[in-house]
Amino acid sequence: MLAAVVGAALGLCAGVPLRAAATRYAVPPGEPWRDCLPTPYGRCPRHGEPRVGPPPLTVEAAAAALGAVLAAWAPGRWLPLLVWLALFGTVLAFVDAAVKRLPDALTRPLFLGTAVLVPLTDHDPAVWLRCALAAGALGLLYLLMALLAPMGLGDAKLAPSLGAVLGLAGWRAVYAGLLYTWLLAALWAVALLALRRAGRRSELALGPAMLLGTLAAVLAAVGG
């Protein structure tokens, strides 16, 4: 219980810079990154704008919830990798939900950091090979879907990082991560249709489902 409270408090603190990052990168393709330092209520004192970025307190609440979950369930050796994924994942999820894109400025450092942290989490070269195979398999799968279906290439660029993390937990986690991703995406699509927030041909952000599905599968496989 104490660990969850501490994790939630740390996540809440991290929510402030995460909101700034989500606001900065949540712009349509072709537009420059936004230069703004929003308050938790989404106001930008620097530019006097009434509200920019995600809805008030949503980033902070998401970061606090993730901090509590990771502190309570993630094994100690997994914490650096999962915290890294949670930090970038929070920003990516809000950006994708807002503008339907996953910028290279976020997916590239996520991948590089994951490549460094995976060997530090498990020192077995056989596990590294499994992570590389899982990263390649998911990257190829989402690339094919991007080429054959109305999906963005950002999903394909995010997939290798998630594949490596899932591979670290085992092949069952890889399969579970895919299953959870599509279940969450389907539930989200149904909810939007029921609320009339989207139509049958509307483009949906898959990034949040990919990130949440990965986290759920990993914690189910290794959570304490």
C-alpha atoms as a PDB file:
ATOM      1  CA  MET A   1       0.000   0.000   0.000  1.00  0.00           C
ATOM      2  CA  LEU A   2       2.779   2.418   0.935  1.00  0.00           C
ATOM      3  CA  ALA A   3       4.628   1.628  -2.288  1.00  0.00           C
ATOM      4  CA  ALA A   4       1.525   2.438  -4.341  1.00  0.00           C
ATOM      5  CA  VAL A   5       1.065   5.764  -2.529  1.00  0.00           C
ATOM      6  CA  VAL A   6       4.705   6.721  -3.076  1.00  0.00           C
ATOM      7  CA  GLY A   7       4.469   5.676  -6.724  1.00  0.00           C
ATOM      8  CA  ALA A   8       1.308   7.727  -7.214  1.00  0.00           C
ATOM      9  CA  ALA A   9       2.971  10.784  -5.651  1.00  0.00           C
ATOM     10  CA  LEU A  10       6.013  10.457  -7.901  1.00  0.00           C
ATOM     11  CA  GLY A  11       3.778   9.962 -10.925  1.00  0.00           C
ATOM     12  CA  LEU A  12       1.779  13.052 -10.017  1.00  0.00           C
ATOM     13  CA  CYS A  13       4.996  15.083  -9.890  1.00  0.00           C
ATOM     14  CA  ALA A  14       6.086  13.670 -13.239  1.00  0.00           C
ATOM     15  CA  GLY A  15       2.727  14.662 -14.695  1.00  0.00           C
ATOM     16  CA  VAL A  16       3.762  18.333 -14.916  1.00  0.00           C
ATOM     17  CA  PRO A  17       6.650  17.868 -17.393  1.00  0.00           C
ATOM     18  CA  LEU A  18       4.715  15.098 -19.151  1.00  0.00           C
ATOM     19  CA  ARG A  19       1.830  17.518 -19.762  1.00  0.00           C
ATOM     20  CA  ALA A  20       4.289  20.033 -21.210  1.00  0.00           C
ATOM     21  CA  ALA A  21       5.708  17.352 -23.537  1.00  0.00           C
ATOM     22  CA  ALA A  22       2.255  16.173 -24.623  1.00  0.00           C
ATOM     23  CA  THR A  23       1.248  19.763 -25.356  1.00  0.00           C
ATOM     24  CA  ARG A  24       4.452  20.408 -27.303  1.00  0.00           C
ATOM     25  CA  TYR A  25       4.124  17.398 -29.618  1.00  0.00           C
ATOM     26  CA  ALA A  26       0.330  17.323 -30.061  1.00  0.00           C
ATOM     27  CA  VAL A  27       0.338  19.285 -33.311  1.00  0.00           C
ATOM     28  CA  PRO A  28      -0.759  18.185 -36.802  1.00  0.00           C
ATOM     29  CA  PRO A  29       1.903  16.940 -39.244  1.00  0.00           C
ATOM     30  CA  GLY A  30       3.826  19.733 -40.910  1.00  0.00           C
ATOM     31  CA  GLU A  31       3.338  22.235 -38.092  1.00  0.00           C
ATOM     32  CA  PRO A  32       6.197  23.258 -35.749  1.00  0.00           C
ATOM     33  CA  TRP A  33       6.271  21.931 -32.209  1.00  0.00           C
ATOM     34  CA  ARG A  34       4.312  24.088 -29.801  1.00  0.00           C
ATOM     35  CA  ASP A  35       6.384  26.244 -27.439  1.00  0.00           C
ATOM     36  CA  CYS A  36       4.266  26.324 -24.305  1.00  0.00           C
ATOM     37  CA  LEU A  37       4.447  25.612 -20.563  1.00  0.00           C
ATOM     38  CA  PRO A  38       0.851  24.779 -19.615  1.00  0.00           C
ATOM     39  CA  THR A  39      -0.515  24.572 -16.089  1.00  0.00           C
ATOM     40  CA  PRO A  40      -2.238  21.345 -14.932  1.00  0.00           C
ATOM     41  CA  TYR A  41      -5.503  23.008 -16.000  1.00  0.00           C
ATOM     42  CA  GLY A  42      -4.189  23.383 -19.555  1.00  0.00           C
ATOM     43  CA  ARG A  43      -3.622  27.140 -19.570  1.00  0.00           C
ATOM     44  CA  CYS A  44      -0.493  28.646 -21.078  1.00  0.00           C
ATOM     45  CA  PRO A  45       0.560  31.746 -19.111  1.00  0.00           C
ATOM     46  CA  ARG A  46       3.338  32.502 -21.596  1.00  0.00           C
ATOM     47  CA  HIS A  47       0.978  32.969 -24.538  1.00  0.00           C
ATOM     48  CA  GLY A  48      -2.242  33.786 -22.727  1.00  0.00           C
ATOM     49  CA  GLU A  49      -4.132  30.949 -24.421  1.00  0.00           C
ATOM     50  CA  PRO A  50      -7.265  29.768 -22.567  1.00  0.00           C
ATOM     51  CA  ARG A  51      -6.437  26.057 -22.890  1.00  0.00           C
ATOM     52  CA  VAL A  52      -3.893  24.025 -24.822  1.00  0.00           C
ATOM     53  CA  GLY A  53      -2.985  20.351 -24.829  1.00  0.00           C
ATOM     54  CA  PRO A  54      -4.833  17.529 -23.035  1.00  0.00           C
ATOM     55  CA  PRO A  55      -7.894  18.167 -20.844  1.00  0.00           C
ATOM     56  CA  PRO A  56      -7.189  19.541 -17.349  1.00  0.00           C
ATOM     57  CA  LEU A  57      -5.482  17.147 -14.904  1.00  0.00           C
ATOM     58  CA  THR A  58      -5.793  14.121 -17.214  1.00  0.00           C
ATOM     59  CA  VAL A  59      -2.042  13.712 -17.778  1.00  0.00           C
ATOM     60  CA  GLU A  60      -1.342  14.090 -14.079  1.00  0.00           C
ATOM     61  CA  ALA A  61      -4.032  11.554 -13.178  1.00  0.00           C
ATOM     62  CA  ALA A  62      -2.743   9.050 -15.735  1.00  0.00           C
ATOM     63  CA  ALA A  63       0.849   9.453 -14.520  1.00  0.00           C
ATOM     64  CA  ALA A  64      -0.229   9.011 -10.888  1.00  0.00           C
ATOM     65  CA  ALA A  65      -2.178   5.860 -11.738  1.00  0.00           C
ATOM     66  CA  LEU A  66       0.758   4.396 -13.655  1.00  0.00           C
ATOM     67  CA  GLY A  67       3.136   5.258 -10.820  1.00  0.00           C
ATOM     68  CA  ALA A  68       0.901   3.491  -8.308  1.00  0.00           C
ATOM     69  CA  VAL A  69       0.528   0.387 -10.485  1.00  0.00           C
ATOM     70  CA  LEU A  70       4.240   0.071 -11.244  1.00  0.00           C
ATOM     71  CA  ALA A  71       5.283   0.657  -7.638  1.00  0.00           C
ATOM     72  CA  ALA A  72       2.828  -1.967  -6.410  1.00  0.00           C
ATOM     73  CA  TRP A  73       3.222  -4.658  -9.081  1.00  0.00           C
ATOM     74  CA  ALA A  74       6.481  -4.344 -11.021  1.00  0.00           C
ATOM     75  CA  PRO A  75       9.504  -6.355  -9.807  1.00  0.00           C
ATOM     76  CA  GLY A  76      12.455  -4.198  -8.808  1.00  0.00           C
ATOM     77  CA  ARG A  77      14.679  -5.159 -11.724  1.00  0.00           C
ATOM     78  CA  TRP A  78      11.886  -4.253 -14.164  1.00  0.00           C
ATOM     79  CA  LEU A  79      11.228  -0.792 -12.732  1.00  0.00           C
ATOM     80  CA  PRO A  80      13.764   1.259 -14.783  1.00  0.00           C
ATOM     81  CA  LEU A  81      12.525  -0.216 -18.069  1.00  0.00           C
ATOM     82  CA  LEU A  82       8.834   0.052 -17.223  1.00  0.00           C
ATOM     83  CA  VAL A  83       9.204   3.585 -15.874  1.00  0.00           C
ATOM     84  CA  TRP A  84      10.963   4.544 -19.120  1.00  0.00           C
ATOM     85  CA  LEU A  85       8.105   3.009 -21.097  1.00  0.00           C
ATOM     86  CA  ALA A  86       5.498   4.689 -18.892  1.00  0.00           C
ATOM     87  CA  LEU A  87       7.047   8.150 -19.247  1.00  0.00           C
ATOM     88  CA  PHE A  88       7.224   8.058 -23.023  1.00  0.00           C
ATOM     89  CA  GLY A  89       4.029   6.042 -23.296  1.00  0.00           C
ATOM     90  CA  THR A  90       1.997   8.625 -21.397  1.00  0.00           C
ATOM     91  CA  VAL A  91       3.090  11.398 -23.744  1.00  0.00           C
ATOM     92  CA  LEU A  92       2.653   9.253 -26.859  1.00  0.00           C
ATOM     93  CA  ALA A  93      -0.830   8.152 -25.827  1.00  0.00           C
ATOM     94  CA  PHE A  94      -2.074  11.711 -25.304  1.00  0.00           C
ATOM     95  CA  VAL A  95      -0.439  12.952 -28.502  1.00  0.00           C
ATOM     96  CA  ASP A  96      -1.902  10.097 -30.563  1.00  0.00           C
ATOM     97  CA  ALA A  97      -5.348  10.574 -29.044  1.00  0.00           C
ATOM     98  CA  ALA A  98      -5.228  14.298 -29.878  1.00  0.00           C
ATOM     99  CA  VAL A  99      -3.754  14.404 -33.380  1.00  0.00           C
ATOM    100  CA  LYS A 100      -3.565  10.757 -34.548  1.00  0.00           C
ATOM    101  CA  ARG A 101       0.229  10.656 -34.830  1.00  0.00           C
ATOM    102  CA  LEU A 102       3.209   9.167 -33.010  1.00  0.00           C
ATOM    103  CA  PRO A 103       6.132  11.544 -33.678  1.00  0.00           C
ATOM    104  CA  ASP A 104       9.616  10.248 -34.453  1.00  0.00           C
ATOM    105  CA  ALA A 105      10.879  12.707 -31.835  1.00  0.00           C
ATOM    106  CA  LEU A 106       9.300  10.415 -29.225  1.00  0.00           C
ATOM    107  CA  THR A 107       9.411   6.924 -30.739  1.00  0.00           C
ATOM    108  CA  ARG A 108      13.141   7.096 -31.552  1.00  0.00           C
ATOM    109  CA  PRO A 109      14.422   7.913 -28.041  1.00  0.00           C
ATOM    110  CA  LEU A 110      11.949   5.390 -26.627  1.00  0.00           C
ATOM    111  CA  PHE A 111      13.480   2.698 -28.829  1.00  0.00           C
ATOM    112  CA  LEU A 112      17.081   3.694 -28.040  1.00  0.00           C
ATOM    113  CA  GLY A 113      16.442   3.748 -24.304  1.00  0.00           C
ATOM    114  CA  THR A 114      14.636   0.417 -24.467  1.00  0.00           C
ATOM    115  CA  ALA A 115      17.574  -1.116 -26.342  1.00  0.00           C
ATOM    116  CA  VAL A 116      19.873  -0.017 -23.509  1.00  0.00           C
ATOM    117  CA  LEU A 117      17.610  -1.013 -20.627  1.00  0.00           C
ATOM    118  CA  VAL A 118      16.576  -4.463 -21.871  1.00  0.00           C
ATOM    119  CA  PRO A 119      20.080  -6.005 -21.380  1.00  0.00           C
ATOM    120  CA  LEU A 120      20.286  -4.349 -17.961  1.00  0.00           C
ATOM    121  CA  THR A 121      16.999  -5.942 -16.935  1.00  0.00           C
ATOM    122  CA  ASP A 122      18.027  -9.473 -17.902  1.00  0.00           C
ATOM    123  CA  HIS A 123      21.636 -10.540 -18.491  1.00  0.00           C
ATOM    124  CA  ASP A 124      20.842 -13.720 -20.456  1.00  0.00           C
ATOM    125  CA  PRO A 125      21.884 -13.426 -24.159  1.00  0.00           C
ATOM    126  CA  ALA A 126      19.144 -15.907 -25.076  1.00  0.00           C
ATOM    127  CA  VAL A 127      16.586 -13.462 -23.677  1.00  0.00           C
ATOM    128  CA  TRP A 128      18.166 -10.639 -25.691  1.00  0.00           C
ATOM    129  CA  LEU A 129      17.703 -12.699 -28.843  1.00  0.00           C
ATOM    130  CA  ARG A 130      14.046 -13.293 -27.972  1.00  0.00           C
ATOM    131  CA  CYS A 131      13.570  -9.558 -27.430  1.00  0.00           C
ATOM    132  CA  ALA A 132      15.164  -8.784 -30.798  1.00  0.00           C
ATOM    133  CA  LEU A 133      12.974 -11.357 -32.558  1.00  0.00           C
ATOM    134  CA  ALA A 134       9.830 -10.051 -30.846  1.00  0.00           C
ATOM    135  CA  ALA A 135      10.757  -6.455 -31.708  1.00  0.00           C
ATOM    136  CA  GLY A 136      11.323  -7.382 -35.353  1.00  0.00           C
ATOM    137  CA  ALA A 137       8.150  -9.468 -35.562  1.00  0.00           C
ATOM    138  CA  LEU A 138       5.901  -6.743 -34.151  1.00  0.00           C
ATOM    139  CA  GLY A 139       7.603  -4.068 -36.224  1.00  0.00           C
ATOM    140  CA  LEU A 140       7.060  -6.098 -39.395  1.00  0.00           C
ATOM    141  CA  LEU A 141       3.457  -6.929 -38.472  1.00  0.00           C
ATOM    142  CA  TYR A 142       2.490  -3.301 -37.911  1.00  0.00           C
ATOM    143  CA  LEU A 143       4.435  -2.191 -40.983  1.00  0.00           C
ATOM    144  CA  LEU A 144       2.445  -4.623 -43.136  1.00  0.00           C
ATOM    145  CA  MET A 145      -0.784  -3.388 -41.579  1.00  0.00           C
ATOM    146  CA  ALA A 146       0.266   0.211 -42.228  1.00  0.00           C
ATOM    147  CA  LEU A 147       0.890  -0.626 -45.882  1.00  0.00           C
ATOM    148  CA  LEU A 148      -2.264  -2.697 -46.380  1.00  0.00           C
ATOM    149  CA  ALA A 149      -4.734  -1.008 -44.033  1.00  0.00           C
ATOM    150  CA  PRO A 150      -5.600   2.587 -43.057  1.00  0.00           C
ATOM    151  CA  MET A 151      -3.016   2.775 -40.269  1.00  0.00           C
ATOM    152  CA  GLY A 152      -0.170   5.171 -39.677  1.00  0.00           C
ATOM    153  CA  LEU A 153       3.537   4.381 -39.864  1.00  0.00           C
ATOM    154  CA  GLY A 154       3.887   5.731 -36.332  1.00  0.00           C
ATOM    155  CA  ASP A 155       2.342   2.513 -35.010  1.00  0.00           C
ATOM    156  CA  ALA A 156       4.999   0.516 -36.870  1.00  0.00           C
ATOM    157  CA  LYS A 157       7.740   2.700 -35.357  1.00  0.00           C
ATOM    158  CA  LEU A 158       6.357   2.228 -31.855  1.00  0.00           C
ATOM    159  CA  ALA A 159       5.907  -1.542 -32.211  1.00  0.00           C
ATOM    160  CA  PRO A 160       9.611  -2.610 -31.964  1.00  0.00           C
ATOM    161  CA  SER A 161      10.000  -0.968 -28.552  1.00  0.00           C
ATOM    162  CA  LEU A 162       6.868  -2.683 -27.271  1.00  0.00           C
ATOM    163  CA  GLY A 163       7.921  -5.980 -28.830  1.00  0.00           C
ATOM    164  CA  ALA A 164      11.271  -5.872 -27.047  1.00  0.00           C
ATOM    165  CA  VAL A 165       9.606  -5.256 -23.681  1.00  0.00           C
ATOM    166  CA  LEU A 166       7.062  -8.023 -24.269  1.00  0.00           C
ATOM    167  CA  GLY A 167       9.808 -10.384 -25.440  1.00  0.00           C
ATOM    168  CA  LEU A 168      11.617  -9.829 -22.178  1.00  0.00           C
ATOM    169  CA  ALA A 169       8.599 -11.281 -20.384  1.00  0.00           C
ATOM    170  CA  GLY A 170       8.324 -14.262 -22.761  1.00  0.00           C
ATOM    171  CA  TRP A 171       6.501 -15.292 -25.918  1.00  0.00           C
ATOM    172  CA  ARG A 172       3.213 -15.692 -24.067  1.00  0.00           C
ATOM    173  CA  ALA A 173       3.442 -12.039 -23.107  1.00  0.00           C
ATOM    174  CA  VAL A 174       4.000 -11.132 -26.769  1.00  0.00           C
ATOM    175  CA  TYR A 175       0.816 -12.951 -27.792  1.00  0.00           C
ATOM    176  CA  ALA A 176      -1.073 -11.519 -24.814  1.00  0.00           C
ATOM    177  CA  GLY A 177       0.104  -8.008 -25.654  1.00  0.00           C
ATOM    178  CA  LEU A 178      -1.314  -8.306 -29.160  1.00  0.00           C
ATOM    179  CA  LEU A 179      -4.571  -9.740 -27.837  1.00  0.00           C
ATOM    180  CA  TYR A 180      -4.979  -7.015 -25.204  1.00  0.00           C
ATOM    181  CA  THR A 181      -4.139  -4.331 -27.767  1.00  0.00           C
ATOM    182  CA  TRP A 182      -6.899  -5.348 -30.143  1.00  0.00           C
ATOM    183  CA  LEU A 183      -9.412  -5.938 -27.348  1.00  0.00           C
ATOM    184  CA  LEU A 184      -8.774  -2.455 -25.947  1.00  0.00           C
ATOM    185  CA  ALA A 185      -8.911  -0.921 -29.422  1.00  0.00           C
ATOM    186  CA  ALA A 186     -12.207  -2.670 -30.132  1.00  0.00           C
ATOM    187  CA  LEU A 187     -13.718  -1.553 -26.816  1.00  0.00           C
ATOM    188  CA  TRP A 188     -12.582   2.021 -27.428  1.00  0.00           C
ATOM    189  CA  ALA A 189     -14.066   1.999 -30.938  1.00  0.00           C
ATOM    190  CA  VAL A 190     -17.385   0.658 -29.669  1.00  0.00           C
ATOM    191  CA  ALA A 191     -17.467   3.288 -26.920  1.00  0.00           C
ATOM    192  CA  LEU A 192     -16.829   6.102 -29.403  1.00  0.00           C
ATOM    193  CA  LEU A 193     -19.525   4.784 -31.732  1.00  0.00           C
ATOM    194  CA  ALA A 194     -22.008   4.456 -28.863  1.00  0.00           C
ATOM    195  CA  LEU A 195     -21.271   8.030 -27.757  1.00  0.00           C
ATOM    196  CA  ARG A 196     -21.403   9.227 -31.382  1.00  0.00           C
ATOM    197  CA  ARG A 197     -17.902  10.614 -31.081  1.00  0.00           C
ATOM    198  CA  ALA A 198     -16.805   8.707 -34.185  1.00  0.00           C
ATOM    199  CA  GLY A 199     -18.251   7.073 -37.286  1.00  0.00           C
ATOM    200  CA  ARG A 200     -17.563   3.745 -38.938  1.00  0.00           C
ATOM    201  CA  ARG A 201     -14.936   5.310 -41.196  1.00  0.00           C
ATOM    202  CA  SER A 202     -13.309   7.495 -38.565  1.00  0.00           C
ATOM    203  CA  GLU A 203      -9.579   7.129 -37.972  1.00  0.00           C
ATOM    204  CA  LEU A 204      -8.862   5.805 -34.487  1.00  0.00           C
ATOM    205  CA  ALA A 205      -5.665   6.234 -32.470  1.00  0.00           C
ATOM    206  CA  LEU A 206      -4.161   2.779 -31.903  1.00  0.00           C
ATOM    207  CA  GLY A 207      -1.160   3.949 -29.894  1.00  0.00           C
ATOM    208  CA  PRO A 208      -2.922   4.137 -26.499  1.00  0.00           C
ATOM    209  CA  ALA A 209      -4.260   0.589 -26.901  1.00  0.00           C
ATOM    210  CA  MET A 210      -0.811  -0.689 -27.922  1.00  0.00           C
ATOM    211  CA  LEU A 211       0.802   0.892 -24.873  1.00  0.00           C
ATOM    212  CA  LEU A 212      -1.844  -0.195 -22.371  1.00  0.00           C
ATOM    213  CA  GLY A 213      -2.000  -3.685 -23.858  1.00  0.00           C
ATOM    214  CA  THR A 214       1.762  -4.043 -23.523  1.00  0.00           C
ATOM    215  CA  LEU A 215       1.798  -2.861 -19.932  1.00  0.00           C
ATOM    216  CA  ALA A 216      -1.088  -5.170 -18.984  1.00  0.00           C
ATOM    217  CA  ALA A 217       0.558  -8.192 -20.608  1.00  0.00           C
ATOM    218  CA  VAL A 218       3.937  -7.544 -18.962  1.00  0.00           C
ATOM    219  CA  LEU A 219       2.493  -7.001 -15.490  1.00  0.00           C
ATOM    220  CA  ALA A 220       0.335 -10.101 -15.858  1.00  0.00           C
ATOM    221  CA  ALA A 221       3.457 -12.102 -16.734  1.00  0.00           C
ATOM    222  CA  VAL A 222       5.949 -10.741 -14.193  1.00  0.00           C
ATOM    223  CA  GLY A 223       3.961  -8.656 -11.692  1.00  0.00           C
ATOM    224  CA  GLY A 224       4.526  -9.401  -8.036  1.00  0.00           C
END
